[in-house]
Protein backbone atom coordinates (compact mmCIF):
# COMPACT_ATOMS: atom_id res chain seq x y z
CA MET A 1 -4.27 -3.97 30.59
CA TYR A 2 -6.21 -5.09 27.51
CA GLU A 3 -4.43 -6.80 24.57
CA TYR A 4 -5.79 -6.82 21.10
CA SER A 5 -4.59 -9.01 18.11
CA LYS A 6 -3.01 -6.87 15.36
CA LEU A 7 -4.70 -9.01 12.62
CA PRO A 8 -8.34 -7.85 13.39
CA ILE A 9 -7.01 -4.25 13.87
CA ALA A 10 -5.58 -4.46 10.33
CA LEU A 11 -8.69 -5.92 8.86
CA GLU A 12 -10.80 -3.09 10.51
CA TYR A 13 -8.32 -0.43 9.14
CA LEU A 14 -8.68 -1.98 5.64
CA GLU A 15 -12.46 -2.03 5.79
CA ALA A 16 -12.50 1.50 7.08
CA ALA A 17 -10.04 2.56 4.19
CA ILE A 18 -12.41 1.25 1.54
CA GLU A 19 -15.43 2.82 3.18
CA GLU A 20 -13.69 6.15 3.47
CA ARG A 21 -12.68 6.02 -0.17
CA GLU A 22 -15.73 4.57 -1.75
CA ILE A 23 -18.56 5.98 0.39
CA HIS A 24 -17.21 9.33 1.88
CA LYS A 25 -14.72 10.20 -0.84
CA ARG A 26 -12.16 10.92 1.94
CA TYR A 27 -9.07 9.92 0.02
CA PHE A 28 -6.38 10.94 2.48
CA ALA A 29 -8.03 9.23 5.42
CA ALA A 30 -8.30 6.10 3.09
CA MET A 31 -4.64 6.29 2.25
CA ASN A 32 -3.66 6.48 5.92
CA LEU A 33 -5.82 3.67 6.95
CA ALA A 34 -4.82 1.51 4.00
CA GLY A 35 -1.13 2.27 4.62
CA VAL A 36 -1.39 1.06 8.32
CA ALA A 37 -3.29 -1.99 7.31
CA GLU A 38 -0.70 -2.78 4.63
CA GLU A 39 2.15 -2.32 7.11
CA LEU A 40 0.50 -4.46 9.80
CA LEU A 41 -0.45 -7.24 7.46
CA GLY A 42 3.05 -7.07 5.99
CA LYS A 43 4.66 -7.47 9.43
CA ILE A 44 2.46 -10.48 10.17
CA ILE A 45 3.44 -11.93 6.93
CA ARG A 46 7.15 -11.51 7.59
CA VAL A 47 6.76 -13.04 11.12
CA GLN A 48 5.24 -16.10 9.36
CA GLY A 49 8.37 -16.32 7.30
CA LYS A 50 6.71 -15.33 4.03
CA THR A 51 7.34 -12.39 1.73
CA ASP A 52 4.94 -9.39 1.86
CA GLN A 53 3.80 -7.39 -1.20
CA LEU A 54 6.23 -4.42 -0.69
CA THR A 55 9.16 -6.78 -0.49
CA GLU A 56 7.98 -8.61 -3.60
CA VAL A 57 7.63 -5.36 -5.53
CA THR A 58 10.96 -4.01 -4.49
CA SER A 59 12.74 -7.29 -5.24
CA THR A 60 11.26 -7.24 -8.65
CA LEU A 61 12.38 -3.51 -9.13
CA MET A 62 15.83 -4.61 -8.05
CA LYS A 63 15.96 -7.35 -10.64
CA ILE A 64 14.83 -5.03 -13.27
CA HIS A 65 17.44 -2.49 -12.17
CA GLU A 66 20.11 -5.07 -12.47
CA ASN A 67 19.12 -6.07 -15.97
CA VAL A 68 19.09 -2.44 -17.34
CA LYS A 69 22.08 -1.08 -15.26
CA GLY A 70 24.07 1.05 -17.58
CA ILE A 71 21.30 1.68 -19.92
CA ILE A 72 18.72 3.29 -17.60
CA ASP A 73 19.59 4.86 -14.29
CA PHE A 74 16.66 4.73 -11.82
CA GLY A 75 18.69 6.81 -9.29
CA PHE A 76 18.25 4.12 -6.75
CA ASN A 77 20.73 1.28 -5.95
CA SER A 78 19.30 -0.69 -3.06
CA GLN A 79 16.15 -2.40 -2.12
CA LYS A 80 15.85 -0.10 0.81
CA GLU A 81 15.85 2.95 -1.47
CA PHE A 82 13.18 1.35 -3.69
CA LYS A 83 11.14 0.72 -0.49
CA SER A 84 11.52 4.28 0.45
CA LEU A 85 10.27 5.30 -2.95
CA MET A 86 7.24 3.02 -2.67
CA GLY A 87 6.31 4.53 0.69
CA SER A 88 7.03 7.99 -0.30
CA THR A 89 3.46 9.07 -0.87
CA LYS A 90 2.21 7.86 2.41
CA ASN A 91 5.12 9.34 4.20
CA SER A 92 4.76 12.62 2.45
CA ILE A 93 1.37 12.96 4.08
CA LYS A 94 2.44 11.64 7.50
CA HIS A 95 5.70 13.50 8.10
CA MET A 96 6.45 17.11 8.48
CA ASP A 97 10.20 17.40 9.21
CA ASN A 98 10.55 21.12 8.18
CA ALA A 99 8.57 24.02 6.56
CA GLY A 100 9.31 22.56 3.19
CA ASP A 101 7.04 19.74 4.03
CA ILE A 102 3.93 21.92 4.29
CA ASN A 103 2.46 20.26 1.19
CA ALA A 104 1.90 16.53 0.69
CA LYS A 105 3.59 15.43 -2.55
CA LEU A 106 1.96 12.67 -4.50
CA TYR A 107 3.03 11.21 -7.90
CA PHE A 108 -0.57 10.68 -9.17
CA GLU A 109 -4.00 11.90 -8.26
CA VAL A 110 -5.09 11.18 -4.68
CA GLU A 111 -8.02 9.00 -5.93
CA ASP A 112 -5.50 6.78 -7.82
CA GLU A 113 -3.00 6.72 -4.85
CA SER A 114 -5.74 5.69 -2.27
CA LYS A 115 -6.86 2.89 -4.60
CA TRP A 116 -3.32 1.54 -5.04
CA LEU A 117 -2.62 1.65 -1.29
CA ILE A 118 -5.92 -0.32 -0.54
CA GLN A 119 -4.90 -2.79 -3.34
CA ALA A 120 -1.57 -3.25 -1.64
CA ALA A 121 -3.17 -4.12 1.63
CA ILE A 122 -5.57 -6.54 -0.11
CA ARG A 123 -2.46 -8.19 -1.77
CA ASN A 124 -1.07 -8.76 1.77
CA LEU A 125 -4.41 -10.16 2.83
CA ASP A 126 -4.13 -12.58 -0.09
CA ILE A 127 -0.58 -13.66 0.77
CA LEU A 128 -2.04 -14.51 4.21
CA GLU A 129 -4.63 -16.62 2.26
CA MET A 130 -7.49 -14.81 4.18
CA LYS A 131 -11.05 -14.78 3.01
CA HIS A 132 -12.24 -11.46 1.65
CA SER A 133 -14.99 -9.70 3.57
CA GLY A 134 -18.02 -8.43 1.48
CA THR A 135 -16.54 -4.89 1.42
CA VAL A 136 -13.18 -6.08 0.23
CA ARG A 137 -14.67 -8.43 -2.30
CA ASP A 138 -16.80 -5.71 -3.74
CA PHE A 139 -13.77 -3.30 -3.97
CA VAL A 140 -11.79 -5.97 -5.72
CA GLU A 141 -14.52 -6.77 -8.18
CA LYS A 142 -15.13 -3.01 -8.98
CA TYR A 143 -11.59 -2.32 -9.70
CA GLN A 144 -10.61 -5.64 -11.31
CA ASN A 145 -13.23 -4.78 -14.08
CA ALA A 146 -12.35 -1.15 -14.19
CA ASP A 147 -8.50 -1.74 -14.27
CA SER A 148 -9.05 -4.13 -17.18
CA ASP A 149 -10.95 -1.58 -19.15
CA GLY A 150 -8.01 0.78 -18.59
CA ASN A 151 -9.94 2.97 -15.97
């Protein structure tokens, strides 16, 4: 039996996600690879006793929810429900529980969704305080400038 550390696997998936999106324009493949990288890195973070990006985001959403309760109804009442919402795009692609699931349902264009999933995986990489590869660094730089311009 061979054993492989999950950290290099997650890093390989992240690199492949960026390449699929940026070079080949295969956005759904990029989303799947980035989603797995984000999940693996998130689990590594939690094992280290730290807070991964998804938990950070959903905790922030819960705090906002508490502050606007009675004014705005998000339709969600727990951190678990917010986590489910945050993973709904990825899960809409992965799962087909019945005939009604024949179409993947995304909230935004696939190009944007794939970018955001890659950025989520990179955020977990940053939480682990890991050095960025050239591929990751180029992606961050490209979209850091583009995002600040509103693109």
